[in-house]
Amino acid sequence: MSEIANIPEVVNNFRVYHNGNDMVGVSGSVKLPSLEAITEEVSGAGILGSYETSIPGHYSSLAQEVPFRILDKDIFSIMNPSELVDLTFRAANQSTVKSTGALAYNQMRIVERGRLKSFDAGTLELGKQMNASATLELMYILIEIDGKTMLEYDKLNSVFVANGVDLLAQIRQYT
């Protein structure tokens, strides 16, 4: 068993890009989408009761809400529902080196592609942020840490890679 060299701590900083352009209007917190497997209940002869089995590579809707401090040009740049929105999140993750106590940083990149699903114009209040948002229906997500693919999921092209392993290779071999 390998020993952990660094203790992961926090996201030190992050930025959001749309088609390579910095989106400075995005607010301070972005909740990333959850992958929820599509399942089927299995029961019958030889099984005591029932259980749900997941279907590898099949996940329900992936929604990404992108929050904005106020209504500005950034939010409207992702609102055309007939165009694919290409977002990239770049982050510097901070950790502590166990042997020295020094701080260390590594790179995280998240790429998402999807289409507009909903738009919330937010609230008008003097001296306050509007908390506007646009929600995308994702077709693609890629998560890399220090350049290594940790997750790649492409609904339209039957790609599902986790920790560098192609989890659909055998299924594609039979179809």
N, C-alpha and C. Protein backbone atom coordinates (compact mmCIF):
# COMPACT_ATOMS: atom_id res chain seq x y z
N MET A 1 0.84 -1.17 0.00
CA MET A 1 0.00 0.00 0.00
C MET A 1 0.89 1.24 0.00
N SER A 2 0.62 2.17 -0.92
CA SER A 2 1.44 3.36 -1.01
C SER A 2 0.98 4.41 0.00
N GLU A 3 1.95 5.15 0.49
CA GLU A 3 1.63 6.20 1.46
C GLU A 3 1.26 7.49 0.74
N ILE A 4 0.34 8.20 1.31
CA ILE A 4 -0.10 9.47 0.74
C ILE A 4 0.94 10.53 1.06
N ALA A 5 1.46 11.20 0.00
CA ALA A 5 2.50 12.21 0.19
C ALA A 5 1.91 13.57 0.57
N ASN A 6 0.72 13.87 0.07
CA ASN A 6 0.10 15.18 0.33
C ASN A 6 -1.29 15.00 0.91
N ILE A 7 -1.68 15.96 1.72
CA ILE A 7 -3.04 15.98 2.28
C ILE A 7 -3.84 17.01 1.49
N PRO A 8 -4.82 16.56 0.69
CA PRO A 8 -5.64 17.50 -0.07
C PRO A 8 -6.41 18.42 0.88
N GLU A 9 -6.45 19.73 0.54
CA GLU A 9 -7.08 20.70 1.43
C GLU A 9 -8.23 21.47 0.78
N VAL A 10 -7.91 22.36 -0.16
CA VAL A 10 -8.92 23.26 -0.70
C VAL A 10 -8.64 23.57 -2.17
N VAL A 11 -9.66 24.12 -2.83
CA VAL A 11 -9.46 24.74 -4.13
C VAL A 11 -8.96 26.16 -3.83
N ASN A 12 -7.71 26.44 -4.17
CA ASN A 12 -7.13 27.74 -3.87
C ASN A 12 -7.75 28.83 -4.73
N ASN A 13 -7.97 28.53 -6.01
CA ASN A 13 -8.60 29.49 -6.91
C ASN A 13 -9.11 28.73 -8.13
N PHE A 14 -10.10 29.31 -8.82
CA PHE A 14 -10.58 28.71 -10.06
C PHE A 14 -11.11 29.79 -10.98
N ARG A 15 -11.18 29.44 -12.25
CA ARG A 15 -11.73 30.33 -13.28
C ARG A 15 -12.60 29.49 -14.20
N VAL A 16 -13.52 30.19 -14.86
CA VAL A 16 -14.44 29.54 -15.78
C VAL A 16 -14.27 30.19 -17.16
N TYR A 17 -14.21 29.34 -18.18
CA TYR A 17 -14.03 29.82 -19.55
C TYR A 17 -15.14 29.27 -20.44
N HIS A 18 -15.61 30.11 -21.36
CA HIS A 18 -16.57 29.69 -22.38
C HIS A 18 -15.91 29.87 -23.73
N ASN A 19 -15.71 28.77 -24.45
CA ASN A 19 -14.99 28.81 -25.74
C ASN A 19 -13.66 29.53 -25.61
N GLY A 20 -12.97 29.32 -24.49
CA GLY A 20 -11.66 29.91 -24.26
C GLY A 20 -11.67 31.32 -23.70
N ASN A 21 -12.85 31.94 -23.59
CA ASN A 21 -12.95 33.30 -23.05
C ASN A 21 -13.29 33.26 -21.57
N ASP A 22 -12.57 34.03 -20.78
CA ASP A 22 -12.77 34.09 -19.34
C ASP A 22 -14.17 34.61 -19.01
N MET A 23 -14.91 33.92 -18.16
CA MET A 23 -16.24 34.35 -17.74
C MET A 23 -16.13 34.90 -16.33
N VAL A 24 -15.88 36.19 -16.21
CA VAL A 24 -15.64 36.80 -14.91
C VAL A 24 -16.93 37.00 -14.12
N GLY A 25 -18.09 36.88 -14.74
CA GLY A 25 -19.35 37.10 -14.04
C GLY A 25 -19.82 35.92 -13.21
N VAL A 26 -19.15 34.78 -13.31
CA VAL A 26 -19.56 33.60 -12.56
C VAL A 26 -19.32 33.84 -11.08
N SER A 27 -20.28 33.45 -10.25
CA SER A 27 -20.16 33.69 -8.81
C SER A 27 -19.16 32.75 -8.16
N GLY A 28 -18.99 32.88 -6.86
CA GLY A 28 -17.93 32.20 -6.14
C GLY A 28 -18.08 30.71 -5.91
N SER A 29 -19.22 30.13 -6.23
CA SER A 29 -19.43 28.71 -5.97
C SER A 29 -20.18 28.08 -7.13
N VAL A 30 -19.63 27.01 -7.68
CA VAL A 30 -20.28 26.28 -8.77
C VAL A 30 -20.41 24.82 -8.34
N LYS A 31 -21.64 24.34 -8.20
CA LYS A 31 -21.87 22.93 -7.86
C LYS A 31 -21.77 22.11 -9.14
N LEU A 32 -20.86 21.16 -9.15
CA LEU A 32 -20.67 20.31 -10.32
C LEU A 32 -21.76 19.23 -10.38
N PRO A 33 -22.01 18.68 -11.58
CA PRO A 33 -23.12 17.72 -11.72
C PRO A 33 -22.83 16.39 -11.03
N SER A 34 -23.91 15.69 -10.68
CA SER A 34 -23.82 14.35 -10.10
C SER A 34 -24.15 13.32 -11.18
N LEU A 35 -23.41 12.24 -11.19
CA LEU A 35 -23.71 11.14 -12.10
C LEU A 35 -24.57 10.13 -11.34
N GLU A 36 -25.79 9.94 -11.79
CA GLU A 36 -26.71 8.99 -11.17
C GLU A 36 -27.00 7.89 -12.17
N ALA A 37 -26.54 6.68 -11.86
CA ALA A 37 -26.68 5.55 -12.78
C ALA A 37 -28.15 5.21 -13.02
N ILE A 38 -28.44 4.85 -14.26
CA ILE A 38 -29.75 4.30 -14.57
C ILE A 38 -29.72 2.85 -14.11
N THR A 39 -30.76 2.44 -13.39
CA THR A 39 -30.79 1.10 -12.81
C THR A 39 -32.04 0.35 -13.25
N GLU A 40 -31.99 -0.94 -13.05
CA GLU A 40 -33.14 -1.81 -13.31
C GLU A 40 -33.25 -2.77 -12.14
N GLU A 41 -34.48 -2.98 -11.69
CA GLU A 41 -34.71 -3.93 -10.59
C GLU A 41 -34.65 -5.35 -11.13
N VAL A 42 -33.89 -6.18 -10.43
CA VAL A 42 -33.72 -7.58 -10.81
C VAL A 42 -34.34 -8.45 -9.73
N SER A 43 -35.18 -9.40 -10.15
CA SER A 43 -35.78 -10.36 -9.22
C SER A 43 -36.12 -11.61 -9.99
N GLY A 44 -36.43 -12.66 -9.29
CA GLY A 44 -36.83 -13.89 -9.96
C GLY A 44 -36.17 -15.10 -9.35
N ALA A 45 -36.25 -16.20 -10.09
CA ALA A 45 -35.73 -17.48 -9.61
C ALA A 45 -34.26 -17.36 -9.23
N GLY A 46 -33.91 -17.90 -8.07
CA GLY A 46 -32.53 -17.92 -7.61
C GLY A 46 -32.10 -16.65 -6.88
N ILE A 47 -33.00 -15.70 -6.74
CA ILE A 47 -32.66 -14.44 -6.07
C ILE A 47 -33.61 -14.26 -4.89
N LEU A 48 -33.06 -14.01 -3.73
CA LEU A 48 -33.89 -13.74 -2.57
C LEU A 48 -34.29 -12.27 -2.59
N GLY A 49 -35.53 -12.02 -2.90
CA GLY A 49 -36.00 -10.64 -2.98
C GLY A 49 -35.64 -10.01 -4.30
N SER A 50 -35.13 -8.79 -4.24
CA SER A 50 -34.75 -8.08 -5.45
C SER A 50 -33.59 -7.14 -5.14
N TYR A 51 -32.97 -6.67 -6.19
CA TYR A 51 -31.92 -5.65 -6.06
C TYR A 51 -31.91 -4.83 -7.34
N GLU A 52 -31.30 -3.65 -7.24
CA GLU A 52 -31.16 -2.80 -8.42
C GLU A 52 -29.75 -2.95 -8.96
N THR A 53 -29.66 -3.13 -10.27
CA THR A 53 -28.36 -3.19 -10.91
C THR A 53 -28.19 -1.97 -11.80
N SER A 54 -26.99 -1.40 -11.78
CA SER A 54 -26.72 -0.25 -12.64
C SER A 54 -26.31 -0.75 -14.02
N ILE A 55 -26.54 0.08 -15.01
CA ILE A 55 -26.21 -0.25 -16.39
C ILE A 55 -24.99 0.60 -16.75
N PRO A 56 -23.80 -0.01 -16.82
CA PRO A 56 -22.57 0.76 -17.05
C PRO A 56 -22.67 1.69 -18.25
N GLY A 57 -22.28 2.94 -18.02
CA GLY A 57 -22.28 3.94 -19.07
C GLY A 57 -23.59 4.68 -19.23
N HIS A 58 -24.63 4.26 -18.54
CA HIS A 58 -25.94 4.89 -18.67
C HIS A 58 -26.25 5.69 -17.40
N TYR A 59 -26.37 7.00 -17.59
CA TYR A 59 -26.66 7.90 -16.47
C TYR A 59 -27.83 8.78 -16.84
N SER A 60 -28.58 9.19 -15.83
CA SER A 60 -29.71 10.08 -16.08
C SER A 60 -29.18 11.47 -16.42
N SER A 61 -30.08 12.39 -16.59
CA SER A 61 -29.77 13.75 -17.00
C SER A 61 -28.63 14.34 -16.16
N LEU A 62 -27.67 14.97 -16.84
CA LEU A 62 -26.58 15.67 -16.16
C LEU A 62 -26.83 17.16 -16.33
N ALA A 63 -27.16 17.82 -15.25
CA ALA A 63 -27.44 19.26 -15.31
C ALA A 63 -26.32 20.03 -14.62
N GLN A 64 -25.90 21.11 -15.27
CA GLN A 64 -24.88 21.99 -14.69
C GLN A 64 -25.46 23.39 -14.57
N GLU A 65 -25.66 23.82 -13.33
CA GLU A 65 -26.10 25.19 -13.10
C GLU A 65 -24.86 26.08 -13.03
N VAL A 66 -24.88 27.16 -13.79
CA VAL A 66 -23.78 28.12 -13.79
C VAL A 66 -24.32 29.41 -13.17
N PRO A 67 -23.91 29.72 -11.93
CA PRO A 67 -24.43 30.91 -11.23
C PRO A 67 -23.65 32.17 -11.60
N PHE A 68 -24.35 33.28 -11.70
CA PHE A 68 -23.74 34.57 -12.03
C PHE A 68 -24.11 35.60 -10.97
N ARG A 69 -23.17 36.49 -10.66
CA ARG A 69 -23.42 37.53 -9.68
C ARG A 69 -24.54 38.47 -10.14
N ILE A 70 -24.46 38.90 -11.40
CA ILE A 70 -25.47 39.81 -11.97
C ILE A 70 -25.71 39.41 -13.41
N LEU A 71 -26.72 40.00 -14.02
CA LEU A 71 -26.95 39.80 -15.45
C LEU A 71 -25.94 40.64 -16.22
N ASP A 72 -25.08 39.98 -16.97
CA ASP A 72 -24.15 40.69 -17.84
C ASP A 72 -23.96 39.86 -19.11
N LYS A 73 -23.05 40.29 -19.97
CA LYS A 73 -22.89 39.63 -21.26
C LYS A 73 -22.49 38.16 -21.13
N ASP A 74 -21.78 37.80 -20.06
CA ASP A 74 -21.33 36.41 -19.91
C ASP A 74 -22.50 35.42 -19.90
N ILE A 75 -23.53 35.73 -19.13
CA ILE A 75 -24.64 34.78 -19.02
C ILE A 75 -25.38 34.65 -20.35
N PHE A 76 -25.49 35.75 -21.08
CA PHE A 76 -26.21 35.71 -22.35
C PHE A 76 -25.41 35.01 -23.44
N SER A 77 -24.10 34.87 -23.25
CA SER A 77 -23.26 34.21 -24.26
C SER A 77 -23.50 32.70 -24.30
N ILE A 78 -24.17 32.14 -23.29
CA ILE A 78 -24.41 30.69 -23.27
C ILE A 78 -25.90 30.36 -23.41
N MET A 79 -26.70 31.30 -23.88
CA MET A 79 -28.15 31.11 -23.89
C MET A 79 -28.76 30.60 -25.18
N ASN A 80 -28.00 30.42 -26.24
CA ASN A 80 -28.58 29.94 -27.49
C ASN A 80 -28.78 28.42 -27.39
N PRO A 81 -30.05 27.94 -27.29
CA PRO A 81 -30.29 26.51 -27.09
C PRO A 81 -29.96 25.65 -28.31
N SER A 82 -29.70 26.28 -29.47
CA SER A 82 -29.36 25.49 -30.65
C SER A 82 -27.85 25.30 -30.80
N GLU A 83 -27.07 25.93 -29.92
CA GLU A 83 -25.61 25.80 -29.96
C GLU A 83 -25.09 25.04 -28.76
N LEU A 84 -24.07 24.24 -28.98
CA LEU A 84 -23.42 23.53 -27.89
C LEU A 84 -22.55 24.52 -27.11
N VAL A 85 -22.73 24.55 -25.80
CA VAL A 85 -21.93 25.41 -24.92
C VAL A 85 -20.72 24.61 -24.46
N ASP A 86 -19.54 25.20 -24.58
CA ASP A 86 -18.30 24.55 -24.21
C ASP A 86 -17.70 25.33 -23.04
N LEU A 87 -17.77 24.75 -21.83
CA LEU A 87 -17.23 25.38 -20.63
C LEU A 87 -15.99 24.65 -20.17
N THR A 88 -15.03 25.41 -19.66
CA THR A 88 -13.85 24.82 -19.04
C THR A 88 -13.66 25.48 -17.68
N PHE A 89 -13.53 24.66 -16.66
CA PHE A 89 -13.23 25.12 -15.31
C PHE A 89 -11.76 24.75 -15.05
N ARG A 90 -10.97 25.73 -14.66
CA ARG A 90 -9.57 25.48 -14.32
C ARG A 90 -9.37 25.86 -12.85
N ALA A 91 -8.76 24.95 -12.11
CA ALA A 91 -8.58 25.19 -10.68
C ALA A 91 -7.17 24.84 -10.24
N ALA A 92 -6.73 25.54 -9.20
CA ALA A 92 -5.48 25.20 -8.52
C ALA A 92 -5.87 24.60 -7.17
N ASN A 93 -5.62 23.30 -7.02
CA ASN A 93 -5.93 22.61 -5.77
C ASN A 93 -4.73 22.71 -4.83
N GLN A 94 -5.00 22.99 -3.59
CA GLN A 94 -3.96 23.17 -2.58
C GLN A 94 -3.91 21.95 -1.67
N SER A 95 -2.68 21.56 -1.32
CA SER A 95 -2.49 20.45 -0.38
C SER A 95 -1.28 20.75 0.50
N THR A 96 -1.14 19.96 1.55
CA THR A 96 0.02 20.08 2.43
C THR A 96 0.89 18.84 2.26
N VAL A 97 2.18 19.05 2.06
CA VAL A 97 3.14 17.95 1.94
C VAL A 97 3.36 17.38 3.34
N LYS A 98 3.04 16.10 3.52
CA LYS A 98 3.14 15.49 4.85
C LYS A 98 4.54 15.53 5.44
N SER A 99 5.55 15.31 4.62
CA SER A 99 6.91 15.21 5.15
C SER A 99 7.49 16.55 5.58
N THR A 100 7.02 17.67 4.98
CA THR A 100 7.62 18.97 5.29
C THR A 100 6.65 20.00 5.84
N GLY A 101 5.36 19.78 5.64
CA GLY A 101 4.36 20.75 6.06
C GLY A 101 4.20 21.92 5.09
N ALA A 102 4.96 21.89 3.99
CA ALA A 102 4.88 22.96 2.99
C ALA A 102 3.60 22.82 2.17
N LEU A 103 3.18 23.92 1.57
CA LEU A 103 2.03 23.88 0.68
C LEU A 103 2.47 23.45 -0.71
N ALA A 104 1.58 22.72 -1.39
CA ALA A 104 1.81 22.29 -2.77
C ALA A 104 0.51 22.51 -3.53
N TYR A 105 0.63 22.59 -4.85
CA TYR A 105 -0.54 22.85 -5.69
C TYR A 105 -0.54 21.88 -6.86
N ASN A 106 -1.73 21.52 -7.30
CA ASN A 106 -1.84 20.75 -8.53
C ASN A 106 -2.99 21.30 -9.36
N GLN A 107 -3.00 20.91 -10.62
CA GLN A 107 -3.94 21.44 -11.59
C GLN A 107 -5.16 20.53 -11.71
N MET A 108 -6.34 21.15 -11.79
CA MET A 108 -7.55 20.41 -12.11
C MET A 108 -8.23 21.14 -13.26
N ARG A 109 -8.67 20.38 -14.25
CA ARG A 109 -9.39 20.94 -15.39
C ARG A 109 -10.65 20.13 -15.59
N ILE A 110 -11.77 20.84 -15.73
CA ILE A 110 -13.06 20.19 -15.99
C ILE A 110 -13.63 20.81 -17.26
N VAL A 111 -13.93 19.97 -18.23
CA VAL A 111 -14.52 20.43 -19.49
C VAL A 111 -15.93 19.89 -19.55
N GLU A 112 -16.89 20.77 -19.87
CA GLU A 112 -18.28 20.36 -19.99
C GLU A 112 -18.84 20.90 -21.30
N ARG A 113 -19.67 20.08 -21.94
CA ARG A 113 -20.35 20.52 -23.17
C ARG A 113 -21.82 20.17 -23.05
N GLY A 114 -22.67 21.16 -23.34
CA GLY A 114 -24.11 20.93 -23.24
C GLY A 114 -24.89 22.06 -23.86
N ARG A 115 -26.20 22.00 -23.69
CA ARG A 115 -27.09 23.01 -24.24
C ARG A 115 -27.91 23.64 -23.13
N LEU A 116 -28.35 24.86 -23.38
CA LEU A 116 -29.17 25.58 -22.40
C LEU A 116 -30.43 24.79 -22.07
N LYS A 117 -30.68 24.65 -20.79
CA LYS A 117 -31.87 23.95 -20.30
C LYS A 117 -32.82 24.92 -19.62
N SER A 118 -32.26 25.86 -18.84
CA SER A 118 -33.10 26.86 -18.18
C SER A 118 -32.28 28.11 -17.86
N PHE A 119 -33.00 29.18 -17.61
CA PHE A 119 -32.40 30.48 -17.32
C PHE A 119 -33.17 31.11 -16.17
N ASP A 120 -32.46 31.60 -15.16
CA ASP A 120 -33.06 32.29 -14.03
C ASP A 120 -32.43 33.67 -13.96
N ALA A 121 -33.24 34.71 -14.18
CA ALA A 121 -32.72 36.08 -14.22
C ALA A 121 -32.32 36.61 -12.85
N GLY A 122 -32.70 35.94 -11.78
CA GLY A 122 -32.28 36.36 -10.45
C GLY A 122 -33.20 37.39 -9.82
N THR A 123 -32.66 38.14 -8.86
CA THR A 123 -33.43 39.08 -8.07
C THR A 123 -32.77 40.45 -8.10
N LEU A 124 -33.59 41.48 -8.25
CA LEU A 124 -33.08 42.86 -8.18
C LEU A 124 -33.24 43.37 -6.76
N GLU A 125 -32.13 43.78 -6.14
CA GLU A 125 -32.16 44.36 -4.80
C GLU A 125 -30.97 45.29 -4.68
N LEU A 126 -31.19 46.48 -4.15
CA LEU A 126 -30.12 47.46 -4.03
C LEU A 126 -28.94 46.92 -3.25
N GLY A 127 -27.76 47.09 -3.82
CA GLY A 127 -26.53 46.71 -3.13
C GLY A 127 -26.31 45.21 -2.99
N LYS A 128 -27.05 44.40 -3.72
CA LYS A 128 -26.94 42.94 -3.60
C LYS A 128 -26.64 42.31 -4.95
N GLN A 129 -26.08 41.11 -4.91
CA GLN A 129 -25.90 40.33 -6.13
C GLN A 129 -27.26 39.81 -6.59
N MET A 130 -27.40 39.58 -7.88
CA MET A 130 -28.69 39.15 -8.43
C MET A 130 -28.90 37.64 -8.31
N ASN A 131 -27.82 36.88 -8.22
CA ASN A 131 -27.90 35.42 -8.16
C ASN A 131 -28.65 34.85 -9.37
N ALA A 132 -28.29 35.32 -10.54
CA ALA A 132 -28.85 34.79 -11.79
C ALA A 132 -28.16 33.47 -12.10
N SER A 133 -28.75 32.66 -12.98
CA SER A 133 -28.11 31.40 -13.36
C SER A 133 -28.63 30.90 -14.70
N ALA A 134 -27.79 30.12 -15.34
CA ALA A 134 -28.17 29.38 -16.54
C ALA A 134 -27.85 27.92 -16.26
N THR A 135 -28.76 27.03 -16.62
CA THR A 135 -28.55 25.60 -16.40
C THR A 135 -28.41 24.91 -17.75
N LEU A 136 -27.37 24.10 -17.85
CA LEU A 136 -27.09 23.37 -19.08
C LEU A 136 -27.41 21.89 -18.91
N GLU A 137 -27.89 21.28 -19.97
CA GLU A 137 -28.03 19.82 -20.04
C GLU A 137 -26.74 19.32 -20.67
N LEU A 138 -25.92 18.59 -19.89
CA LEU A 138 -24.61 18.17 -20.37
C LEU A 138 -24.67 16.89 -21.19
N MET A 139 -23.88 16.90 -22.24
CA MET A 139 -23.70 15.71 -23.08
C MET A 139 -22.30 15.12 -22.86
N TYR A 140 -21.41 15.96 -22.28
CA TYR A 140 -20.01 15.57 -22.15
C TYR A 140 -19.41 16.20 -20.90
N ILE A 141 -18.58 15.41 -20.21
CA ILE A 141 -17.80 15.95 -19.09
C ILE A 141 -16.45 15.24 -19.06
N LEU A 142 -15.40 16.03 -18.80
CA LEU A 142 -14.05 15.51 -18.66
C LEU A 142 -13.46 16.12 -17.39
N ILE A 143 -12.89 15.29 -16.54
CA ILE A 143 -12.20 15.77 -15.34
C ILE A 143 -10.77 15.26 -15.40
N GLU A 144 -9.82 16.21 -15.39
CA GLU A 144 -8.40 15.87 -15.39
C GLU A 144 -7.75 16.44 -14.14
N ILE A 145 -6.83 15.68 -13.58
CA ILE A 145 -6.02 16.17 -12.47
C ILE A 145 -4.57 15.99 -12.89
N ASP A 146 -3.83 17.11 -12.90
CA ASP A 146 -2.44 17.12 -13.37
C ASP A 146 -2.29 16.45 -14.74
N GLY A 147 -3.25 16.70 -15.63
CA GLY A 147 -3.20 16.19 -16.99
C GLY A 147 -3.64 14.75 -17.17
N LYS A 148 -3.98 14.06 -16.07
CA LYS A 148 -4.42 12.66 -16.15
C LYS A 148 -5.94 12.62 -16.16
N THR A 149 -6.50 11.87 -17.10
CA THR A 149 -7.96 11.73 -17.19
C THR A 149 -8.46 10.89 -16.03
N MET A 150 -9.26 11.53 -15.18
CA MET A 150 -9.88 10.82 -14.06
C MET A 150 -11.29 10.37 -14.44
N LEU A 151 -11.98 11.19 -15.26
CA LEU A 151 -13.32 10.86 -15.73
C LEU A 151 -13.53 11.49 -17.09
N GLU A 152 -14.02 10.71 -18.03
CA GLU A 152 -14.48 11.23 -19.31
C GLU A 152 -15.76 10.50 -19.64
N TYR A 153 -16.81 11.27 -19.83
CA TYR A 153 -18.12 10.71 -20.11
C TYR A 153 -18.75 11.47 -21.26
N ASP A 154 -19.00 10.77 -22.36
CA ASP A 154 -19.56 11.36 -23.57
C ASP A 154 -20.80 10.57 -23.96
N LYS A 155 -21.98 11.12 -23.67
CA LYS A 155 -23.24 10.42 -23.90
C LYS A 155 -23.47 10.09 -25.37
N LEU A 156 -23.06 10.98 -26.27
CA LEU A 156 -23.38 10.81 -27.68
C LEU A 156 -22.39 9.92 -28.43
N ASN A 157 -21.22 9.67 -27.85
CA ASN A 157 -20.20 8.87 -28.53
C ASN A 157 -19.78 7.63 -27.74
N SER A 158 -20.60 7.22 -26.77
CA SER A 158 -20.37 5.98 -25.99
C SER A 158 -18.97 5.90 -25.39
N VAL A 159 -18.56 6.99 -24.73
CA VAL A 159 -17.26 7.01 -24.05
C VAL A 159 -17.51 7.13 -22.56
N PHE A 160 -16.90 6.23 -21.80
CA PHE A 160 -16.96 6.29 -20.33
C PHE A 160 -15.63 5.78 -19.79
N VAL A 161 -14.78 6.72 -19.38
CA VAL A 161 -13.45 6.41 -18.86
C VAL A 161 -13.39 6.89 -17.42
N ALA A 162 -12.95 6.04 -16.51
CA ALA A 162 -12.78 6.42 -15.11
C ALA A 162 -11.39 5.98 -14.66
N ASN A 163 -10.64 6.91 -14.09
CA ASN A 163 -9.28 6.67 -13.62
C ASN A 163 -8.40 6.08 -14.72
N GLY A 164 -8.60 6.55 -15.95
CA GLY A 164 -7.80 6.11 -17.08
C GLY A 164 -8.23 4.79 -17.70
N VAL A 165 -9.30 4.16 -17.20
CA VAL A 165 -9.76 2.86 -17.71
C VAL A 165 -11.02 3.04 -18.53
N ASP A 166 -11.02 2.50 -19.76
CA ASP A 166 -12.19 2.54 -20.65
C ASP A 166 -13.19 1.49 -20.17
N LEU A 167 -14.24 1.94 -19.49
CA LEU A 167 -15.19 1.01 -18.88
C LEU A 167 -16.20 0.42 -19.86
N LEU A 168 -16.22 0.92 -21.09
CA LEU A 168 -17.16 0.39 -22.08
C LEU A 168 -16.46 -0.40 -23.19
N ALA A 169 -15.17 -0.65 -23.06
CA ALA A 169 -14.41 -1.34 -24.11
C ALA A 169 -15.03 -2.70 -24.44
N GLN A 170 -15.32 -3.49 -23.44
CA GLN A 170 -15.89 -4.82 -23.68
C GLN A 170 -17.29 -4.73 -24.28
N ILE A 171 -18.07 -3.77 -23.84
CA ILE A 171 -19.43 -3.62 -24.37
C ILE A 171 -19.37 -3.22 -25.84
N ARG A 172 -18.47 -2.29 -26.21
CA ARG A 172 -18.32 -1.89 -27.61
C ARG A 172 -17.85 -3.06 -28.46
N GLN A 173 -17.08 -3.98 -27.88
CA GLN A 173 -16.57 -5.14 -28.59
C GLN A 173 -17.74 -6.04 -29.05
N TYR A 174 -18.84 -6.06 -28.30
CA TYR A 174 -19.97 -6.93 -28.61
C TYR A 174 -21.08 -6.24 -29.38
N THR A 175 -20.97 -4.93 -29.58
CA THR A 175 -22.06 -4.24 -30.27
C THR A 175 -21.63 -3.68 -31.61
